[in-house]
């Protein structure tokens, strides 16, 4: 039986309709240096909402305010299946920064194709682009 990996990510959207993306830190085993929406794998007994709150604090040093689910992907990656839930957030406390040494950048959704986006995040971009 193929293993299913569950992850959650958040699209932070600023007042100029830009979205925050971050590089995967160099110490990550899988695809370091790729750009992604902040987030990560769900811990055991953790909801997607708990996951993005935790990841936002750990990765970016911010506390999420109001956020809502936007879309998800469910894809077979060969040796595993991945489900990624994407949330959208326009309110947070603090200034987002790369706490784990990752680069962060505010980009317009139409420009995201100019970045080496993590394959599990690429299918989320069209829905985000249409929503914003």
Foldseek 3Di string as FASTA:
>chain_A
DAAEWEKEFEFAQEPVRWTKWKFADPPDPPRGGAIEGFITTADVPGDNVNRHQVRCCQFFVKGFDDKAWQDWDWADPPRHIYIYTYMYGHDIDDGGDGNVPIHMDTGHLVCVVVGRHDPRHVVVSVSSNVVD
